[in-house]
């Protein structure tokens, strides 16, 4: 099945799973599990803006960095720039934070509150180079919008 079809299949499932829910950690935990199960990526999770930094939230995968400063690494840069970042080779990204040496490529998608502030980011890592592309960026931005509509409006 092509990636676009996988996202088209995933989004209604996710909407049904989290629709009407308001408990942030429960929603994010289930979304991380659903994404990990659906795509099989190495690490899938969330970093949430708390007290001027990103702090690890619910995730699926090996242990993670707990604090990320604004503008640091892929997650902190996506937060600062307020845009999705697709990194084909994390070792080529200036200031990459290596939570795991097995991570080779990464995508980070901001989640926006209703007022335009960034609530957090979706962070996904792969053990393969160049795993993520525009289809993933579009699909995960839809995931981020669904989360925002559910939790942050």
C-alpha atoms as a PDB file:
ATOM      1  CA  UNK A   1       0.000   0.000   0.000  1.00  0.00           C
ATOM      2  CA  UNK A   2       1.290   3.458  -0.845  1.00  0.00           C
ATOM      3  CA  UNK A   3       1.989   6.013   1.868  1.00  0.00           C
ATOM      4  CA  UNK A   4      -0.806   8.333   0.805  1.00  0.00           C
ATOM      5  CA  UNK A   5      -3.285   5.459   1.146  1.00  0.00           C
ATOM      6  CA  UNK A   6      -1.885   4.612   4.577  1.00  0.00           C
ATOM      7  CA  UNK A   7      -2.574   8.169   5.745  1.00  0.00           C
ATOM      8  CA  UNK A   8      -6.037   8.124   4.175  1.00  0.00           C
ATOM      9  CA  UNK A   9      -6.768   4.923   6.113  1.00  0.00           C
ATOM     10  CA  UNK A  10      -5.228   6.235   9.344  1.00  0.00           C
ATOM     11  CA  UNK A  11      -6.955   9.614   9.687  1.00  0.00           C
ATOM     12  CA  UNK A  12     -10.554   8.365  10.079  1.00  0.00           C
ATOM     13  CA  UNK A  13      -9.342   5.755  12.600  1.00  0.00           C
ATOM     14  CA  UNK A  14      -7.570   8.468  14.561  1.00  0.00           C
ATOM     15  CA  UNK A  15     -10.574  10.791  14.432  1.00  0.00           C
ATOM     16  CA  UNK A  16     -12.796   8.017  15.812  1.00  0.00           C
ATOM     17  CA  UNK A  17     -10.256   7.139  18.508  1.00  0.00           C
ATOM     18  CA  UNK A  18      -9.720  10.653  19.892  1.00  0.00           C
ATOM     19  CA  UNK A  19     -12.964  12.424  18.954  1.00  0.00           C
ATOM     20  CA  UNK A  20     -14.597  14.035  21.970  1.00  0.00           C
ATOM     21  CA  UNK A  21     -11.650  13.308  24.268  1.00  0.00           C
ATOM     22  CA  UNK A  22     -10.011  16.064  26.304  1.00  0.00           C
ATOM     23  CA  UNK A  23      -7.326  14.336  28.394  1.00  0.00           C
ATOM     24  CA  UNK A  24      -4.081  15.422  26.732  1.00  0.00           C
ATOM     25  CA  UNK A  25      -1.821  12.564  27.838  1.00  0.00           C
ATOM     26  CA  UNK A  26      -4.389   9.899  26.944  1.00  0.00           C
ATOM     27  CA  UNK A  27      -4.980  11.339  23.474  1.00  0.00           C
ATOM     28  CA  UNK A  28      -1.273  11.743  22.726  1.00  0.00           C
ATOM     29  CA  UNK A  29      -0.407   8.288  24.068  1.00  0.00           C
ATOM     30  CA  UNK A  30      -3.000   6.645  21.834  1.00  0.00           C
ATOM     31  CA  UNK A  31      -1.976   8.685  18.795  1.00  0.00           C
ATOM     32  CA  UNK A  32       1.689   7.706  19.322  1.00  0.00           C
ATOM     33  CA  UNK A  33       0.680   4.031  19.598  1.00  0.00           C
ATOM     34  CA  UNK A  34      -1.542   4.238  16.520  1.00  0.00           C
ATOM     35  CA  UNK A  35       1.192   5.873  14.408  1.00  0.00           C
ATOM     36  CA  UNK A  36       3.828   3.377  15.588  1.00  0.00           C
ATOM     37  CA  UNK A  37       1.543   0.408  14.864  1.00  0.00           C
ATOM     38  CA  UNK A  38       0.397   1.777  11.515  1.00  0.00           C
ATOM     39  CA  UNK A  39       3.813   2.683  10.097  1.00  0.00           C
ATOM     40  CA  UNK A  40       6.336   0.741  12.214  1.00  0.00           C
ATOM     41  CA  UNK A  41       8.711   3.667  12.653  1.00  0.00           C
ATOM     42  CA  UNK A  42      11.583   3.441  15.170  1.00  0.00           C
ATOM     43  CA  UNK A  43      10.376   6.231  17.509  1.00  0.00           C
ATOM     44  CA  UNK A  44       7.088   8.104  17.543  1.00  0.00           C
ATOM     45  CA  UNK A  45       6.175  10.677  20.144  1.00  0.00           C
ATOM     46  CA  UNK A  46       5.485  14.157  21.308  1.00  0.00           C
ATOM     47  CA  UNK A  47       7.438  16.983  22.859  1.00  0.00           C
ATOM     48  CA  UNK A  48       5.253  19.533  24.626  1.00  0.00           C
ATOM     49  CA  UNK A  49       6.000  23.190  25.288  1.00  0.00           C
ATOM     50  CA  UNK A  50       6.344  23.567  29.057  1.00  0.00           C
ATOM     51  CA  UNK A  51       7.978  26.467  30.894  1.00  0.00           C
ATOM     52  CA  UNK A  52       9.928  27.729  27.882  1.00  0.00           C
ATOM     53  CA  UNK A  53      11.280  24.395  26.653  1.00  0.00           C
ATOM     54  CA  UNK A  54      10.125  21.195  24.998  1.00  0.00           C
ATOM     55  CA  UNK A  55       9.570  18.306  27.406  1.00  0.00           C
ATOM     56  CA  UNK A  56       9.066  14.724  26.365  1.00  0.00           C
ATOM     57  CA  UNK A  57       5.459  13.613  26.331  1.00  0.00           C
ATOM     58  CA  UNK A  58       3.872  10.288  25.426  1.00  0.00           C
ATOM     59  CA  UNK A  59       5.942   8.201  23.024  1.00  0.00           C
ATOM     60  CA  UNK A  60       6.546   4.729  21.619  1.00  0.00           C
ATOM     61  CA  UNK A  61      10.142   3.560  21.309  1.00  0.00           C
ATOM     62  CA  UNK A  62      13.385   3.581  23.267  1.00  0.00           C
ATOM     63  CA  UNK A  63      14.157   6.151  25.970  1.00  0.00           C
ATOM     64  CA  UNK A  64      14.182   9.769  24.849  1.00  0.00           C
ATOM     65  CA  UNK A  65      15.741  13.102  25.687  1.00  0.00           C
ATOM     66  CA  UNK A  66      13.630  14.766  28.356  1.00  0.00           C
ATOM     67  CA  UNK A  67      14.369  18.481  27.744  1.00  0.00           C
ATOM     68  CA  UNK A  68      14.993  20.308  24.461  1.00  0.00           C
ATOM     69  CA  UNK A  69      15.693  24.021  24.265  1.00  0.00           C
ATOM     70  CA  UNK A  70      14.003  26.258  21.714  1.00  0.00           C
ATOM     71  CA  UNK A  71      16.097  26.287  18.540  1.00  0.00           C
ATOM     72  CA  UNK A  72      18.106  23.153  19.494  1.00  0.00           C
ATOM     73  CA  UNK A  73      18.056  19.995  17.428  1.00  0.00           C
ATOM     74  CA  UNK A  74      15.353  19.174  14.922  1.00  0.00           C
ATOM     75  CA  UNK A  75      12.504  19.457  17.457  1.00  0.00           C
ATOM     76  CA  UNK A  76      13.624  22.780  18.919  1.00  0.00           C
ATOM     77  CA  UNK A  77      14.246  24.192  15.432  1.00  0.00           C
ATOM     78  CA  UNK A  78      10.806  23.122  14.161  1.00  0.00           C
ATOM     79  CA  UNK A  79       9.273  24.790  17.236  1.00  0.00           C
ATOM     80  CA  UNK A  80      11.281  27.986  16.738  1.00  0.00           C
ATOM     81  CA  UNK A  81      10.625  28.148  12.973  1.00  0.00           C
ATOM     82  CA  UNK A  82       6.994  27.047  13.388  1.00  0.00           C
ATOM     83  CA  UNK A  83       7.288  24.662  10.445  1.00  0.00           C
ATOM     84  CA  UNK A  84       7.589  21.003   9.571  1.00  0.00           C
ATOM     85  CA  UNK A  85      11.154  19.782   9.151  1.00  0.00           C
ATOM     86  CA  UNK A  86      12.081  16.679   7.140  1.00  0.00           C
ATOM     87  CA  UNK A  87      15.668  15.553   7.751  1.00  0.00           C
ATOM     88  CA  UNK A  88      17.027  12.849   5.433  1.00  0.00           C
ATOM     89  CA  UNK A  89      20.212  12.310   7.463  1.00  0.00           C
ATOM     90  CA  UNK A  90      20.199  13.514  11.068  1.00  0.00           C
ATOM     91  CA  UNK A  91      23.992  13.490  11.184  1.00  0.00           C
ATOM     92  CA  UNK A  92      23.971  16.292   8.600  1.00  0.00           C
ATOM     93  CA  UNK A  93      21.582  18.469  10.650  1.00  0.00           C
ATOM     94  CA  UNK A  94      23.518  21.166  12.550  1.00  0.00           C
ATOM     95  CA  UNK A  95      23.079  20.681  16.290  1.00  0.00           C
ATOM     96  CA  UNK A  96      21.186  17.386  16.006  1.00  0.00           C
ATOM     97  CA  UNK A  97      20.482  15.920  19.447  1.00  0.00           C
ATOM     98  CA  UNK A  98      21.257  12.202  19.341  1.00  0.00           C
ATOM     99  CA  UNK A  99      18.850  10.600  21.803  1.00  0.00           C
ATOM    100  CA  UNK A 100      19.605   7.301  20.032  1.00  0.00           C
ATOM    101  CA  UNK A 101      22.502   6.486  17.746  1.00  0.00           C
ATOM    102  CA  UNK A 102      20.123   4.243  15.777  1.00  0.00           C
ATOM    103  CA  UNK A 103      18.102   7.211  14.502  1.00  0.00           C
ATOM    104  CA  UNK A 104      19.072   8.105  10.922  1.00  0.00           C
ATOM    105  CA  UNK A 105      16.235  10.288   9.574  1.00  0.00           C
ATOM    106  CA  UNK A 106      13.548  12.363  11.253  1.00  0.00           C
ATOM    107  CA  UNK A 107      10.408  14.412  10.722  1.00  0.00           C
ATOM    108  CA  UNK A 108       9.068  16.980  13.194  1.00  0.00           C
ATOM    109  CA  UNK A 109       5.662  18.625  12.856  1.00  0.00           C
ATOM    110  CA  UNK A 110       4.459  21.487  15.081  1.00  0.00           C
ATOM    111  CA  UNK A 111       1.022  21.302  16.691  1.00  0.00           C
ATOM    112  CA  UNK A 112      -0.645  24.711  16.942  1.00  0.00           C
ATOM    113  CA  UNK A 113      -3.091  25.968  19.554  1.00  0.00           C
ATOM    114  CA  UNK A 114      -6.166  27.916  18.445  1.00  0.00           C
ATOM    115  CA  UNK A 115      -4.343  31.176  19.265  1.00  0.00           C
ATOM    116  CA  UNK A 116      -1.427  30.258  16.964  1.00  0.00           C
ATOM    117  CA  UNK A 117       1.065  29.305  19.682  1.00  0.00           C
ATOM    118  CA  UNK A 118       2.903  26.009  19.346  1.00  0.00           C
ATOM    119  CA  UNK A 119       1.563  23.493  21.893  1.00  0.00           C
ATOM    120  CA  UNK A 120       4.181  20.883  21.019  1.00  0.00           C
ATOM    121  CA  UNK A 121       5.613  18.832  18.194  1.00  0.00           C
ATOM    122  CA  UNK A 122       5.159  15.387  16.719  1.00  0.00           C
ATOM    123  CA  UNK A 123       8.614  13.807  16.485  1.00  0.00           C
ATOM    124  CA  UNK A 124       9.236  10.669  14.425  1.00  0.00           C
ATOM    125  CA  UNK A 125      12.547   8.907  13.853  1.00  0.00           C
ATOM    126  CA  UNK A 126      13.565   6.126  11.482  1.00  0.00           C
ATOM    127  CA  UNK A 127      16.588   3.835  11.480  1.00  0.00           C
ATOM    128  CA  UNK A 128      16.810   4.292   7.695  1.00  0.00           C
ATOM    129  CA  UNK A 129      18.087   7.325   5.781  1.00  0.00           C
ATOM    130  CA  UNK A 130      15.581   9.439   3.803  1.00  0.00           C
ATOM    131  CA  UNK A 131      12.484   7.734   5.208  1.00  0.00           C
ATOM    132  CA  UNK A 132      10.242  10.809   5.220  1.00  0.00           C
ATOM    133  CA  UNK A 133       8.985  12.934   2.333  1.00  0.00           C
ATOM    134  CA  UNK A 134       6.292  15.444   1.369  1.00  0.00           C
ATOM    135  CA  UNK A 135       3.586  12.774   1.682  1.00  0.00           C
ATOM    136  CA  UNK A 136       4.591  12.218   5.319  1.00  0.00           C
ATOM    137  CA  UNK A 137       4.751  15.959   5.929  1.00  0.00           C
ATOM    138  CA  UNK A 138       1.224  16.437   4.555  1.00  0.00           C
ATOM    139  CA  UNK A 139      -0.170  13.404   6.361  1.00  0.00           C
ATOM    140  CA  UNK A 140       1.397  14.283   9.703  1.00  0.00           C
ATOM    141  CA  UNK A 141       0.281  17.904   9.395  1.00  0.00           C
ATOM    142  CA  UNK A 142      -3.257  16.524   9.107  1.00  0.00           C
ATOM    143  CA  UNK A 143      -2.603  14.451  12.241  1.00  0.00           C
ATOM    144  CA  UNK A 144      -1.360  17.591  14.010  1.00  0.00           C
ATOM    145  CA  UNK A 145      -4.485  19.529  12.974  1.00  0.00           C
ATOM    146  CA  UNK A 146      -6.720  16.722  14.258  1.00  0.00           C
ATOM    147  CA  UNK A 147      -4.883  16.728  17.599  1.00  0.00           C
ATOM    148  CA  UNK A 148      -5.128  20.518  17.775  1.00  0.00           C
ATOM    149  CA  UNK A 149      -8.874  20.453  17.081  1.00  0.00           C
ATOM    150  CA  UNK A 150      -9.330  17.819  19.778  1.00  0.00           C
ATOM    151  CA  UNK A 151      -7.134  19.308  22.503  1.00  0.00           C
ATOM    152  CA  UNK A 152      -5.967  22.855  21.855  1.00  0.00           C
ATOM    153  CA  UNK A 153      -8.826  24.988  20.473  1.00  0.00           C
END
